[in-house]
Amino acid sequence: MNETFWANNRLISRCGPFLLLEITDMATASGLPTEERFLCSICLDVFCKPVSTPCGHNFCSACLHKYWDSNVTCQCPFCNQVFSPRPELKVNSMMSELVDAFKVSIQVKATHPEPELPETTDVLCDICSEKNNKAVKSCLTCLVSFCDAHLEPHLRVTPLKSHTLLEPVKDLHDRMCETHSKTTELYCRTDQAFICVLCSKAEHKSHIVVPLEEEYEAVVAKKDETTTNIQQMKQSRAEKMAEIQNSAAACQIQVEQEKEASVRACEDLIRCIQSSQAKLVEAIDERYRATKQKAEDLITELRREVIELDSRSSRLEQLWRSDDHHLLLQTFPTLFSSFDFKDWADIGVHSDLSFKAPRDALTLLEQRVGQIMEELPEIQMKIMREHAVDLTFDPETAFDSLVISQDGKQVTEVEERQNLPKNPKRFEVYPEVLTTEGFSTGKFYYEVQVKGKTDWIVGVVKESIDRKTNTPLSDKNGCWIIMLKDGIYLHLQNQESKSH
């Protein structure tokens, strides 16, 4: 059975003797969406009358029947396992009950939505102690938000009138420079950071610094340009979506045409072979009939000569018994000279019934067709899947920031490292993990799924691999790896690579 290992947060990898996992960044733990368990992989909708194939995959009954009816071979749409004869499908009662329960839960959520949380986006007055009065202004100088009543001094008292007022803002302290505890009234275009006056005279002294108002006006001035760019990006993506949809539709048409043409070519070849078979059998029979007729003709002629020889032998016996010397001398020379006896030494029936040339041609045709079919990636994948194995992660080998799922098929890296017992099997330098299963000889195949990650390392390692030091990953150290780094796939064999 073909196994796919999920890693929602980082990289999952494979191994021959063991499975090696290399994680190059942190991630948060999350499970697969529950809905995915109830979606048909053909129609991508919730199961309707779910049925199970002999290989254990579930589909809508109508979807699977339609898929099988439209294909020459009867195979699983998910793992491509071929079934012969076509299996009888029955509704999976357990899955059907789970789907019904899932649909009910969706309906309950739709009709009884969870209560909305209280609105917390309003900025409240920092002075009001009893009532939750909304603020109407925030003062960057005082770092306080005021309601109408408490804002009045800022509008009346002369020293307060010089304070910078703006629309209510939460977390006014975020507007303060952490280094100098002053208001960030300036913007550094070089570092794209909010800074205060003292920052502009220190670490940002040689940078391009402008007042916030100036940078604001500069950004607002790009409003139309930005809006246009966004619209153009949306338009280009809409066009790309249409292009992809058209390509997918064209592919569907091409697939049907290819299937029809391929089936027709195979049928033509079958008819040609059947016709050639009939002609070949007829040719063999015809050659045998000709040989048989020749043998019968030769036997008839030989019998005639034998009869003639018997006749002459009788006459000769009569002459031997005669005392007429004159008759003997006159008749004896004519006994063998008057009949044309053949020399049978080189005459015979040659049984050359060999038709090796056409047989050799058919054998070459069979080999060539088989070779072409085996070169197809889909056929190669099917052949590899014949060696599929079931692997699980070994928690005893997992680095202490890796969490293995209960079924051993999923690994997640968490930010807080776990307090795990010491174990000679455990990796202690980088986030790596092996599988419980190991292999020494033979061919093995499995699939790994990585989601949302750009860097990963997958390796086949010896059981004796060093797990306690920063050992380079190389074949010399019992490790063969492939990796994705900076968008480039690499196969590192006979080379050394740092394990992180």
Protein backbone atom coordinates (compact mmCIF):
# COMPACT_ATOMS: atom_id res chain seq x y z
CA MET A 1 0.00 0.00 0.00
CA ASN A 2 1.30 3.41 -0.92
CA GLU A 3 1.89 5.63 2.13
CA THR A 4 2.01 9.41 2.15
CA PHE A 5 3.54 11.08 5.19
CA TRP A 6 2.24 14.54 6.10
CA ALA A 7 4.26 17.29 7.69
CA ASN A 8 2.08 20.35 8.09
CA ASN A 9 4.89 22.48 9.35
CA ARG A 10 8.14 21.39 7.83
CA LEU A 11 9.83 18.79 5.83
CA ILE A 12 9.28 15.09 5.93
CA SER A 13 11.80 12.75 4.38
CA ARG A 14 12.49 9.14 3.55
CA CYS A 15 15.19 6.62 4.20
CA GLY A 16 16.35 3.22 3.04
CA PRO A 17 17.53 1.69 6.28
CA PHE A 18 15.89 4.54 8.17
CA LEU A 19 13.97 7.71 7.53
CA LEU A 20 15.86 10.97 8.03
CA LEU A 21 14.07 14.23 8.72
CA GLU A 22 15.89 17.57 8.53
CA ILE A 23 14.04 20.71 9.63
CA THR A 24 15.55 24.08 8.82
CA ASP A 25 13.03 26.47 10.34
CA MET A 26 10.48 26.59 13.12
CA ALA A 27 6.78 25.90 12.62
CA THR A 28 3.60 25.64 14.59
CA ALA A 29 1.64 22.46 15.10
CA SER A 30 -1.59 22.09 13.18
CA GLY A 31 -3.62 19.14 11.97
CA LEU A 32 -5.18 18.40 8.64
CA PRO A 33 -8.54 20.08 8.08
CA THR A 34 -11.30 17.77 9.21
CA GLU A 35 -13.23 18.41 6.00
CA GLU A 36 -10.47 16.79 3.90
CA ARG A 37 -11.33 13.41 5.36
CA PHE A 38 -14.81 13.61 3.84
CA LEU A 39 -13.93 14.97 0.40
CA CYS A 40 -14.00 12.81 -2.72
CA SER A 41 -10.69 13.24 -4.59
CA ILE A 42 -12.53 13.04 -7.93
CA CYS A 43 -15.28 15.67 -7.53
CA LEU A 44 -13.62 17.46 -4.54
CA ASP A 45 -16.98 17.57 -2.76
CA VAL A 46 -18.31 15.85 0.35
CA PHE A 47 -18.83 12.11 -0.21
CA CYS A 48 -22.18 11.02 -1.64
CA LYS A 49 -22.78 7.30 -1.07
CA PRO A 50 -19.09 6.64 -0.30
CA VAL A 51 -17.62 3.36 -1.54
CA SER A 52 -14.21 1.85 -0.81
CA THR A 53 -11.82 0.29 -3.31
CA PRO A 54 -9.92 -2.91 -2.43
CA CYS A 55 -6.84 -0.75 -1.80
CA GLY A 56 -8.71 1.19 0.92
CA HIS A 57 -9.44 4.56 -0.73
CA ASN A 58 -12.90 6.17 -0.62
CA PHE A 59 -14.84 7.89 -3.41
CA CYS A 60 -18.40 8.84 -4.30
CA SER A 61 -20.14 5.84 -5.83
CA ALA A 62 -21.22 7.77 -8.94
CA CYS A 63 -17.79 9.39 -9.36
CA LEU A 64 -15.93 6.07 -9.21
CA HIS A 65 -18.31 4.29 -11.59
CA LYS A 66 -18.06 7.18 -14.06
CA TYR A 67 -14.26 7.16 -13.77
CA TRP A 68 -14.05 3.42 -14.42
CA ASP A 69 -16.52 3.60 -17.31
CA SER A 70 -14.40 6.27 -19.02
CA ASN A 71 -11.10 4.40 -18.70
CA VAL A 72 -9.80 1.31 -20.43
CA THR A 73 -8.35 -0.21 -17.26
CA CYS A 74 -10.10 -0.49 -13.92
CA GLN A 75 -7.78 1.17 -11.41
CA CYS A 76 -7.85 3.29 -8.25
CA PRO A 77 -7.90 7.03 -9.16
CA PHE A 78 -5.70 7.77 -6.13
CA CYS A 79 -2.93 5.14 -6.13
CA ASN A 80 -3.46 3.68 -9.64
CA GLN A 81 -3.69 0.09 -8.37
CA VAL A 82 -5.27 -2.02 -11.13
CA PHE A 83 -8.20 -4.33 -10.34
CA SER A 84 -9.08 -7.34 -12.47
CA PRO A 85 -11.86 -8.23 -12.64
CA ARG A 86 -13.74 -5.02 -11.87
CA PRO A 87 -14.74 -5.24 -8.18
CA GLU A 88 -18.32 -4.95 -7.01
CA LEU A 89 -18.71 -1.79 -4.94
CA LYS A 90 -20.83 -1.48 -1.84
CA VAL A 91 -21.54 1.65 0.19
CA ASN A 92 -19.10 2.01 3.10
CA SER A 93 -21.64 2.21 5.93
CA MET A 94 -19.16 3.49 8.52
CA MET A 95 -17.87 6.26 6.26
CA SER A 96 -21.45 7.08 5.25
CA GLU A 97 -22.43 7.55 8.90
CA LEU A 98 -19.39 9.77 9.51
CA VAL A 99 -20.26 11.87 6.45
CA ASP A 100 -23.86 12.25 7.65
CA ALA A 101 -22.63 13.34 11.08
CA PHE A 102 -20.25 15.80 9.45
CA LYS A 103 -23.06 17.29 7.34
CA VAL A 104 -25.23 17.65 10.46
CA SER A 105 -22.43 19.47 12.28
CA ILE A 106 -22.09 21.88 9.35
CA GLN A 107 -25.84 22.56 9.40
CA VAL A 108 -25.77 23.14 13.16
CA LYS A 109 -22.96 25.67 12.76
CA ALA A 110 -24.91 27.41 10.01
CA THR A 111 -28.17 27.62 11.97
CA HIS A 112 -26.60 28.23 15.40
CA PRO A 113 -23.52 30.35 14.85
CA GLU A 114 -21.17 30.91 17.74
CA PRO A 115 -21.86 34.14 19.63
CA GLU A 116 -19.78 37.04 18.43
CA LEU A 117 -17.20 38.42 20.82
CA PRO A 118 -17.77 41.92 22.15
CA GLU A 119 -16.42 44.66 19.91
CA THR A 120 -13.00 45.65 21.22
CA THR A 121 -11.74 47.84 18.41
CA ASP A 122 -12.94 51.08 19.99
CA VAL A 123 -10.31 53.18 21.75
CA LEU A 124 -11.49 54.20 25.23
CA CYS A 125 -10.71 57.30 27.20
CA ASP A 126 -7.74 56.75 29.52
CA ILE A 127 -8.99 59.32 32.06
CA CYS A 128 -12.53 58.03 32.61
CA SER A 129 -12.36 55.58 35.50
CA GLU A 130 -15.96 54.35 35.74
CA LYS A 131 -17.56 54.67 32.31
CA ASN A 132 -16.16 53.17 29.15
CA ASN A 133 -16.34 56.37 27.16
CA LYS A 134 -14.94 56.29 23.65
CA ALA A 135 -11.91 58.45 22.97
CA VAL A 136 -12.16 61.10 20.29
CA LYS A 137 -8.47 62.03 20.13
CA SER A 138 -5.11 60.65 21.18
CA CYS A 139 -2.23 62.91 22.22
CA LEU A 140 1.22 61.83 21.08
CA THR A 141 2.83 64.21 23.53
CA CYS A 142 0.93 62.95 26.58
CA LEU A 143 0.55 59.41 25.21
CA VAL A 144 -3.05 59.48 26.44
CA SER A 145 -6.42 59.12 24.69
CA PHE A 146 -9.24 61.53 25.66
CA CYS A 147 -13.00 61.64 25.40
CA ASP A 148 -14.74 64.94 24.55
CA ALA A 149 -14.85 66.04 28.17
CA HIS A 150 -11.22 65.32 29.01
CA LEU A 151 -9.96 66.64 25.68
CA GLU A 152 -11.24 70.14 26.51
CA PRO A 153 -8.02 71.34 28.26
CA HIS A 154 -6.00 70.53 25.12
CA LEU A 155 -8.28 72.83 23.16
CA ARG A 156 -8.24 75.62 25.74
CA VAL A 157 -4.93 75.71 27.62
CA THR A 158 -2.19 77.36 25.55
CA PRO A 159 0.73 75.01 26.41
CA LEU A 160 -1.47 71.99 25.63
CA LYS A 161 -2.56 73.39 22.29
CA SER A 162 0.92 72.66 20.91
CA HIS A 163 0.55 68.93 21.56
CA THR A 164 0.13 66.62 18.58
CA LEU A 165 -3.42 65.28 18.42
CA LEU A 166 -4.59 62.52 16.07
CA GLU A 167 -7.47 60.13 15.64
CA PRO A 168 -7.84 57.64 18.53
CA VAL A 169 -5.02 55.10 18.50
CA LYS A 170 -4.53 52.00 20.61
CA ASP A 171 -1.13 51.25 22.10
CA LEU A 172 0.26 54.75 21.93
CA HIS A 173 3.47 53.47 23.46
CA ASP A 174 4.18 51.78 20.12
CA ARG A 175 4.63 55.31 18.79
CA MET A 176 7.53 55.84 21.20
CA CYS A 177 11.20 55.20 20.45
CA GLU A 178 12.28 52.28 22.61
CA THR A 179 15.83 53.63 22.78
CA HIS A 180 15.18 57.27 23.67
CA SER A 181 11.58 57.18 24.96
CA LYS A 182 10.60 59.97 22.59
CA THR A 183 7.83 60.20 20.02
CA THR A 184 8.71 58.75 16.64
CA GLU A 185 7.96 61.83 14.56
CA LEU A 186 10.37 61.03 11.75
CA TYR A 187 10.64 58.30 9.08
CA CYS A 188 13.92 56.80 7.88
CA ARG A 189 13.54 55.94 4.20
CA THR A 190 16.86 54.12 4.20
CA ASP A 191 15.82 51.59 6.87
CA GLN A 192 12.07 52.07 6.37
CA ALA A 193 11.66 52.64 10.10
CA PHE A 194 9.94 55.11 12.43
CA ILE A 195 12.51 57.06 14.46
CA CYS A 196 12.73 59.95 16.88
CA VAL A 197 14.79 63.15 16.62
CA LEU A 198 17.66 61.69 18.65
CA CYS A 199 17.78 58.61 16.38
CA SER A 200 18.14 60.91 13.35
CA LYS A 201 21.25 62.42 14.92
CA ALA A 202 22.76 59.08 15.94
CA GLU A 203 22.59 55.74 14.07
CA HIS A 204 20.42 57.24 11.29
CA LYS A 205 22.59 60.33 10.87
CA SER A 206 23.70 59.54 7.31
CA HIS A 207 20.30 58.15 6.24
CA ILE A 208 17.49 59.77 4.32
CA VAL A 209 15.13 61.01 7.05
CA VAL A 210 11.88 62.95 6.55
CA PRO A 211 8.99 64.01 8.82
CA LEU A 212 6.13 61.55 9.10
CA GLU A 213 3.78 64.04 7.45
CA GLU A 214 6.04 64.28 4.41
CA GLU A 215 6.32 60.51 4.07
CA TYR A 216 2.57 60.24 4.53
CA GLU A 217 1.95 62.73 1.73
CA ALA A 218 4.43 60.90 -0.49
CA VAL A 219 2.65 57.59 0.07
CA VAL A 220 -0.80 59.13 -0.40
CA ALA A 221 0.43 60.67 -3.65
CA LYS A 222 0.96 57.13 -4.91
CA LYS A 223 -2.63 56.19 -4.15
CA ASP A 224 -3.81 56.19 -7.76
CA GLU A 225 -0.67 54.44 -8.96
CA THR A 226 -0.95 51.81 -6.23
CA THR A 227 -4.64 51.28 -6.91
CA THR A 228 -3.92 50.93 -10.62
CA ASN A 229 -1.14 48.45 -9.92
CA ILE A 230 -3.43 46.38 -7.70
CA GLN A 231 -6.15 46.39 -10.35
CA GLN A 232 -3.62 45.38 -12.99
CA MET A 233 -2.36 42.57 -10.77
CA LYS A 234 -5.92 41.41 -10.16
CA GLN A 235 -6.64 41.59 -13.88
CA SER A 236 -3.49 39.68 -14.78
CA ARG A 237 -4.35 36.99 -12.26
CA ALA A 238 -7.91 36.78 -13.52
CA GLU A 239 -6.54 36.37 -17.04
CA LYS A 240 -4.08 33.75 -15.80
CA MET A 241 -6.93 31.90 -14.07
CA ALA A 242 -8.91 31.93 -17.30
CA GLU A 243 -5.84 30.77 -19.20
CA ILE A 244 -5.28 27.89 -16.77
CA GLN A 245 -8.96 26.94 -16.88
CA ASN A 246 -8.87 26.95 -20.67
CA SER A 247 -5.69 24.90 -20.62
CA ALA A 248 -7.28 22.43 -18.22
CA ALA A 249 -10.34 22.17 -20.48
CA ALA A 250 -8.11 21.73 -23.52
CA CYS A 251 -6.16 19.07 -21.64
CA GLN A 252 -9.38 17.22 -20.89
CA ILE A 253 -10.28 17.25 -24.58
CA GLN A 254 -6.77 16.19 -25.52
CA VAL A 255 -6.86 13.40 -22.95
CA GLU A 256 -10.06 12.01 -24.44
CA GLN A 257 -8.60 12.27 -27.92
CA GLU A 258 -5.39 10.59 -26.80
CA LYS A 259 -7.31 7.79 -25.13
CA GLU A 260 -9.44 7.24 -28.23
CA ALA A 261 -6.39 7.33 -30.52
CA SER A 262 -4.42 5.00 -28.24
CA VAL A 263 -7.28 2.53 -27.93
CA ARG A 264 -7.80 2.68 -31.69
CA ALA A 265 -4.08 2.09 -32.32
CA CYS A 266 -4.06 -0.86 -29.93
CA GLU A 267 -7.18 -2.30 -31.55
CA ASP A 268 -5.63 -1.86 -35.01
CA LEU A 269 -2.48 -3.58 -33.80
CA ILE A 270 -4.52 -6.40 -32.29
CA ARG A 271 -6.42 -6.85 -35.55
CA CYS A 272 -3.16 -6.77 -37.50
CA ILE A 273 -1.60 -9.36 -35.20
CA GLN A 274 -4.71 -11.54 -35.36
CA SER A 275 -4.72 -11.29 -39.16
CA SER A 276 -0.99 -12.03 -39.28
CA GLN A 277 -1.52 -14.96 -36.95
CA ALA A 278 -4.19 -16.41 -39.25
CA LYS A 279 -1.99 -15.87 -42.32
CA LEU A 280 1.03 -17.38 -40.59
CA VAL A 281 -0.92 -20.47 -39.53
CA GLU A 282 -2.30 -20.79 -43.08
CA ALA A 283 1.21 -20.48 -44.55
CA ILE A 284 2.50 -23.19 -42.20
CA ASP A 285 -0.41 -25.46 -43.15
CA GLU A 286 0.13 -24.76 -46.87
CA ARG A 287 3.81 -25.61 -46.62
CA TYR A 288 2.96 -28.82 -44.79
CA ARG A 289 0.36 -29.78 -47.40
CA ALA A 290 2.89 -29.26 -50.20
CA THR A 291 5.48 -31.34 -48.36
CA LYS A 292 2.96 -34.06 -47.64
CA GLN A 293 1.84 -34.17 -51.31
CA LYS A 294 5.45 -34.44 -52.47
CA ALA A 295 6.05 -37.32 -50.07
CA GLU A 296 2.95 -39.15 -51.31
CA ASP A 297 4.01 -38.71 -54.97
CA LEU A 298 7.49 -40.06 -54.25
CA ILE A 299 6.10 -43.03 -52.36
CA THR A 300 3.74 -43.82 -55.30
CA GLU A 301 6.65 -43.72 -57.73
CA LEU A 302 8.78 -45.89 -55.47
CA ARG A 303 5.99 -48.45 -55.22
CA ARG A 304 5.69 -48.55 -59.01
CA GLU A 305 9.41 -49.22 -59.35
CA VAL A 306 9.22 -51.92 -56.67
CA ILE A 307 6.41 -53.65 -58.61
CA GLU A 308 8.46 -53.45 -61.80
CA LEU A 309 11.48 -54.85 -60.00
CA ASP A 310 9.37 -57.72 -58.64
CA SER A 311 8.17 -58.48 -62.18
CA ARG A 312 11.66 -58.53 -63.59
CA SER A 313 12.91 -60.58 -60.70
CA SER A 314 10.27 -63.25 -61.54
CA ARG A 315 11.28 -63.29 -65.20
CA LEU A 316 14.91 -63.57 -64.18
CA GLU A 317 14.09 -66.59 -62.00
CA GLN A 318 12.44 -68.24 -64.99
CA LEU A 319 15.53 -67.62 -67.12
CA TRP A 320 17.76 -69.14 -64.41
CA ARG A 321 15.69 -72.29 -64.55
CA SER A 322 15.69 -72.44 -68.40
CA ASP A 323 18.21 -74.54 -70.33
CA ASP A 324 17.79 -72.35 -73.41
CA HIS A 325 21.12 -70.62 -73.56
CA HIS A 326 20.12 -68.53 -76.51
CA LEU A 327 17.02 -67.13 -74.75
CA LEU A 328 18.94 -66.28 -71.58
CA LEU A 329 21.61 -64.38 -73.42
CA GLN A 330 19.05 -62.57 -75.54
CA THR A 331 16.69 -61.56 -72.71
CA PHE A 332 19.03 -60.81 -69.78
CA PRO A 333 20.42 -57.48 -71.09
CA THR A 334 16.90 -56.09 -71.63
CA LEU A 335 15.66 -56.79 -68.10
CA PHE A 336 17.22 -53.55 -66.71
CA SER A 337 17.83 -51.44 -69.78
CA SER A 338 14.27 -50.99 -70.95
CA PHE A 339 12.95 -49.34 -67.72
CA ASP A 340 14.05 -45.90 -66.49
CA PHE A 341 14.88 -46.50 -62.84
CA LYS A 342 15.66 -43.32 -60.80
CA ASP A 343 18.69 -42.77 -58.69
CA TRP A 344 17.06 -42.18 -55.28
CA ALA A 345 20.25 -41.34 -53.42
CA ASP A 346 19.67 -37.57 -53.43
CA ILE A 347 15.89 -37.63 -53.57
CA GLY A 348 13.83 -37.08 -50.41
CA VAL A 349 11.40 -34.82 -48.56
CA HIS A 350 13.06 -31.87 -46.79
CA SER A 351 10.97 -30.94 -43.72
CA ASP A 352 11.83 -27.19 -43.68
CA LEU A 353 8.76 -25.91 -41.85
CA SER A 354 10.58 -23.20 -39.88
CA PHE A 355 8.95 -19.74 -39.71
CA LYS A 356 11.57 -18.21 -37.43
CA ALA A 357 11.81 -14.87 -39.26
CA PRO A 358 8.20 -13.76 -38.63
CA ARG A 359 8.39 -15.09 -35.06
CA ASP A 360 11.54 -13.06 -34.43
CA ALA A 361 9.84 -9.97 -35.88
CA LEU A 362 6.86 -10.42 -33.54
CA THR A 363 9.20 -10.90 -30.58
CA LEU A 364 11.03 -7.67 -31.42
CA LEU A 365 7.69 -5.86 -31.74
CA GLU A 366 6.62 -7.14 -28.34
CA GLN A 367 9.90 -6.08 -26.75
CA ARG A 368 9.80 -2.62 -28.36
CA VAL A 369 6.21 -1.94 -27.30
CA GLY A 370 7.05 -3.08 -23.77
CA GLN A 371 10.14 -0.85 -23.72
CA ILE A 372 8.17 2.20 -24.87
CA MET A 373 5.47 1.60 -22.26
CA GLU A 374 8.01 1.16 -19.46
CA GLU A 375 9.60 4.49 -20.41
CA LEU A 376 6.35 6.35 -19.64
CA PRO A 377 6.68 8.15 -16.25
CA GLU A 378 3.26 6.87 -15.15
CA ILE A 379 4.26 3.28 -15.87
CA GLN A 380 7.59 3.75 -14.10
CA MET A 381 5.75 5.16 -11.08
CA LYS A 382 3.38 2.19 -11.09
CA ILE A 383 6.33 -0.20 -11.17
CA MET A 384 7.97 1.64 -8.27
CA ARG A 385 4.73 1.54 -6.26
CA GLU A 386 4.85 -2.22 -6.44
CA HIS A 387 7.66 -1.89 -3.87
CA ALA A 388 5.67 0.41 -1.54
CA VAL A 389 6.33 0.02 2.20
CA ASP A 390 4.59 1.28 5.33
CA LEU A 391 6.88 3.47 7.46
CA THR A 392 6.42 5.19 10.82
CA PHE A 393 8.58 7.72 12.65
CA ASP A 394 10.58 6.52 15.63
CA PRO A 395 10.01 8.87 18.62
CA GLU A 396 13.17 7.56 20.30
CA THR A 397 15.28 9.09 17.52
CA ALA A 398 13.42 12.43 17.21
CA PHE A 399 15.16 15.69 18.11
CA ASP A 400 13.58 17.29 21.20
CA SER A 401 11.77 19.99 19.19
CA LEU A 402 9.95 17.40 17.07
CA VAL A 403 6.54 16.02 18.00
CA ILE A 404 5.50 12.71 16.44
CA SER A 405 1.79 12.04 15.88
CA GLN A 406 0.13 9.13 17.63
CA ASP A 407 0.04 7.04 14.45
CA GLY A 408 3.69 7.82 13.73
CA LYS A 409 2.96 9.21 10.26
CA GLN A 410 3.26 12.94 10.96
CA VAL A 411 5.98 15.10 12.50
CA THR A 412 5.76 18.70 13.68
CA GLU A 413 8.40 21.05 15.00
CA VAL A 414 7.39 23.15 18.01
CA GLU A 415 9.06 26.29 19.29
CA GLU A 416 9.42 25.12 22.89
CA ARG A 417 11.80 22.19 23.16
CA GLN A 418 10.55 19.16 25.05
CA ASN A 419 12.15 17.65 28.11
CA LEU A 420 12.84 14.19 26.72
CA PRO A 421 14.83 11.40 28.37
CA LYS A 422 18.36 10.79 27.16
CA ASN A 423 18.52 8.09 24.53
CA PRO A 424 21.50 6.84 22.51
CA LYS A 425 19.24 6.72 19.45
CA ARG A 426 18.17 10.38 19.69
CA PHE A 427 19.55 13.15 17.46
CA GLU A 428 20.96 15.93 19.64
CA VAL A 429 22.32 18.51 17.20
CA TYR A 430 19.67 19.27 14.56
CA PRO A 431 15.96 18.50 14.10
CA GLU A 432 16.20 15.04 12.55
CA VAL A 433 14.25 11.82 12.94
CA LEU A 434 14.47 8.25 11.62
CA THR A 435 11.83 5.64 10.98
CA THR A 436 11.19 2.60 13.11
CA GLU A 437 11.49 0.29 10.12
CA GLY A 438 14.87 -0.50 8.58
CA PHE A 439 15.91 -2.39 5.46
CA SER A 440 19.10 -4.12 4.40
CA THR A 441 18.41 -5.42 0.88
CA GLY A 442 15.79 -5.10 -1.83
CA LYS A 443 13.81 -2.29 -3.42
CA PHE A 444 11.52 -0.01 -1.40
CA TYR A 445 9.24 2.88 -2.30
CA TYR A 446 7.28 5.44 -0.31
CA GLU A 447 5.93 8.95 -0.78
CA VAL A 448 6.46 12.03 1.37
CA GLN A 449 4.39 15.20 1.29
CA VAL A 450 5.87 18.53 2.36
CA LYS A 451 3.60 21.55 2.73
CA GLY A 452 4.55 25.20 2.79
CA LYS A 453 8.31 24.75 3.07
CA THR A 454 11.10 25.92 0.80
CA ASP A 455 14.14 24.22 2.37
CA TRP A 456 14.39 20.56 3.33
CA ILE A 457 16.72 17.58 3.34
CA VAL A 458 15.68 14.00 2.67
CA GLY A 459 18.11 11.20 3.30
CA VAL A 460 18.82 7.50 3.36
CA VAL A 461 21.15 6.69 6.22
CA LYS A 462 22.89 3.79 7.84
CA GLU A 463 21.76 2.79 11.30
CA SER A 464 25.23 3.66 12.58
CA ILE A 465 24.95 7.36 11.61
CA ASP A 466 26.40 9.75 14.21
CA ARG A 467 23.56 11.43 16.10
CA LYS A 468 25.47 13.36 18.75
CA THR A 469 27.83 15.60 16.74
CA ASN A 470 27.67 17.89 13.73
CA THR A 471 28.71 15.23 11.23
CA PRO A 472 28.63 16.18 7.52
CA LEU A 473 25.95 14.35 5.56
CA SER A 474 27.85 12.34 2.97
CA ASP A 475 28.06 8.80 1.65
CA LYS A 476 31.38 8.44 3.49
CA ASN A 477 29.45 8.92 6.73
CA GLY A 478 26.68 6.53 5.70
CA CYS A 479 24.22 9.11 4.39
CA TRP A 480 22.78 9.75 0.92
CA ILE A 481 20.57 12.82 0.61
CA ILE A 482 18.56 15.00 -1.72
CA MET A 483 17.68 18.53 -0.71
CA LEU A 484 15.82 21.68 -1.69
CA LYS A 485 17.80 24.82 -0.94
CA ASP A 486 17.03 28.33 -2.21
CA GLY A 487 14.68 26.90 -4.82
CA ILE A 488 17.30 24.48 -6.20
CA TYR A 489 17.09 20.69 -5.93
CA LEU A 490 20.39 19.00 -5.17
CA HIS A 491 21.46 15.37 -5.03
CA LEU A 492 24.44 15.15 -2.74
CA GLN A 493 26.32 11.91 -3.21
CA ASN A 494 30.07 11.60 -2.93
CA GLN A 495 29.96 15.12 -1.45
CA GLU A 496 29.84 16.49 2.05
CA SER A 497 27.05 18.73 3.30
CA LYS A 498 26.52 20.28 6.69
CA SER A 499 23.47 18.73 8.31
CA HIS A 500 21.88 22.10 8.91
